[in-house]
């Protein structure tokens, strides 16, 4: 009986651990989803209603591909055109992490 209870406890712990690991997301992903996705879209395709209304440029466009990480961080920090500034709303680390995540979208 004790072996059965111990085995079930180990199995339950393994399932809980595996489940929590599969739902984990990076801080950049979490920030992107909370602050950026509404305009830039889940995959950076600028395919949301807000993006279409504001004519947001998709990540795959040549205009976006030529931007360096530093240029994207500056645009996110200070704002650019219709994009609002996130200085004071997000930390420098959150902005950098979100930009790195955004640049990694395919």
Protein backbone atom coordinates (compact mmCIF):
# COMPACT_ATOMS: atom_id res chain seq x y z
CA UNK A 1 0.00 0.00 0.00
CA UNK A 2 2.81 2.43 0.91
CA UNK A 3 4.62 1.68 -2.37
CA UNK A 4 1.46 2.43 -4.32
CA UNK A 5 0.94 5.77 -2.57
CA UNK A 6 4.59 6.69 -3.03
CA UNK A 7 4.43 5.75 -6.73
CA UNK A 8 1.29 7.81 -7.25
CA UNK A 9 2.88 10.80 -5.49
CA UNK A 10 5.95 10.59 -7.73
CA UNK A 11 3.75 10.25 -10.81
CA UNK A 12 1.63 13.24 -9.76
CA UNK A 13 4.73 15.36 -9.16
CA UNK A 14 6.14 14.41 -12.57
CA UNK A 15 2.88 15.29 -14.34
CA UNK A 16 2.66 18.64 -12.52
CA UNK A 17 6.26 19.48 -13.36
CA UNK A 18 5.88 18.51 -17.03
CA UNK A 19 2.67 20.51 -17.31
CA UNK A 20 4.17 23.65 -15.81
CA UNK A 21 7.21 23.44 -18.07
CA UNK A 22 5.12 23.24 -21.24
CA UNK A 23 3.18 26.36 -20.33
CA UNK A 24 6.21 28.42 -19.37
CA UNK A 25 6.99 31.41 -21.53
CA UNK A 26 9.91 33.75 -21.65
CA UNK A 27 9.64 37.20 -20.12
CA UNK A 28 10.00 38.66 -23.62
CA UNK A 29 7.11 36.56 -24.88
CA UNK A 30 4.93 37.58 -21.93
CA UNK A 31 5.72 41.27 -22.42
CA UNK A 32 5.16 41.01 -26.18
CA UNK A 33 1.78 39.32 -25.69
CA UNK A 34 0.69 41.88 -23.10
CA UNK A 35 1.92 45.07 -24.76
CA UNK A 36 2.72 44.47 -28.45
CA UNK A 37 0.63 41.66 -29.88
CA UNK A 38 -2.55 43.73 -30.14
CA UNK A 39 -0.95 45.80 -32.92
CA UNK A 40 1.86 43.64 -34.28
CA UNK A 41 -0.07 40.34 -34.21
CA UNK A 42 0.77 36.98 -32.68
CA UNK A 43 3.38 36.22 -35.36
CA UNK A 44 4.45 39.79 -36.18
CA UNK A 45 2.34 39.81 -39.33
CA UNK A 46 0.48 43.02 -38.38
CA UNK A 47 -2.76 41.19 -39.13
CA UNK A 48 -4.89 42.50 -36.27
CA UNK A 49 -7.72 45.00 -36.78
CA UNK A 50 -5.68 47.64 -34.93
CA UNK A 51 -2.65 46.99 -37.14
CA UNK A 52 -4.71 47.26 -40.31
CA UNK A 53 -6.30 50.50 -39.14
CA UNK A 54 -2.93 52.04 -38.25
CA UNK A 55 -1.11 50.49 -41.23
CA UNK A 56 1.47 48.74 -39.04
CA UNK A 57 4.36 47.31 -41.06
CA UNK A 58 4.73 43.50 -40.77
CA UNK A 59 7.95 41.97 -39.43
CA UNK A 60 8.57 40.21 -42.75
CA UNK A 61 8.68 43.49 -44.71
CA UNK A 62 12.05 44.73 -46.02
CA UNK A 63 11.57 47.92 -44.01
CA UNK A 64 11.43 45.96 -40.74
CA UNK A 65 14.09 43.41 -41.67
CA UNK A 66 16.70 46.14 -42.15
CA UNK A 67 16.24 47.50 -38.61
CA UNK A 68 18.87 46.53 -36.06
CA UNK A 69 17.99 45.35 -32.57
CA UNK A 70 19.23 48.69 -31.20
CA UNK A 71 16.97 50.63 -33.60
CA UNK A 72 13.95 48.55 -32.57
CA UNK A 73 14.75 49.06 -28.89
CA UNK A 74 15.00 52.83 -29.45
CA UNK A 75 11.69 52.91 -31.35
CA UNK A 76 10.02 50.92 -28.58
CA UNK A 77 11.52 53.06 -25.83
CA UNK A 78 10.91 56.48 -27.41
CA UNK A 79 8.01 55.71 -29.76
CA UNK A 80 7.99 56.20 -33.51
CA UNK A 81 5.21 57.42 -35.80
CA UNK A 82 1.99 55.87 -34.42
CA UNK A 83 3.82 53.55 -32.04
CA UNK A 84 3.65 54.83 -28.46
CA UNK A 85 6.71 55.23 -26.25
CA UNK A 86 7.14 52.56 -23.59
CA UNK A 87 9.78 54.46 -21.59
CA UNK A 88 8.58 54.54 -18.02
CA UNK A 89 5.94 51.87 -18.73
CA UNK A 90 8.39 49.00 -19.24
CA UNK A 91 11.91 48.51 -17.93
CA UNK A 92 14.87 48.54 -20.32
CA UNK A 93 15.19 44.77 -19.80
CA UNK A 94 11.51 44.18 -20.64
CA UNK A 95 11.83 46.24 -23.82
CA UNK A 96 14.97 44.39 -24.88
CA UNK A 97 13.41 40.99 -24.14
CA UNK A 98 10.25 41.88 -26.08
CA UNK A 99 12.30 43.10 -29.07
CA UNK A 100 14.42 39.93 -29.04
CA UNK A 101 11.23 37.84 -28.94
CA UNK A 102 9.66 39.90 -31.75
CA UNK A 103 12.74 39.55 -33.95
CA UNK A 104 12.60 35.77 -33.44
CA UNK A 105 9.05 35.43 -34.77
CA UNK A 106 8.66 33.70 -38.10
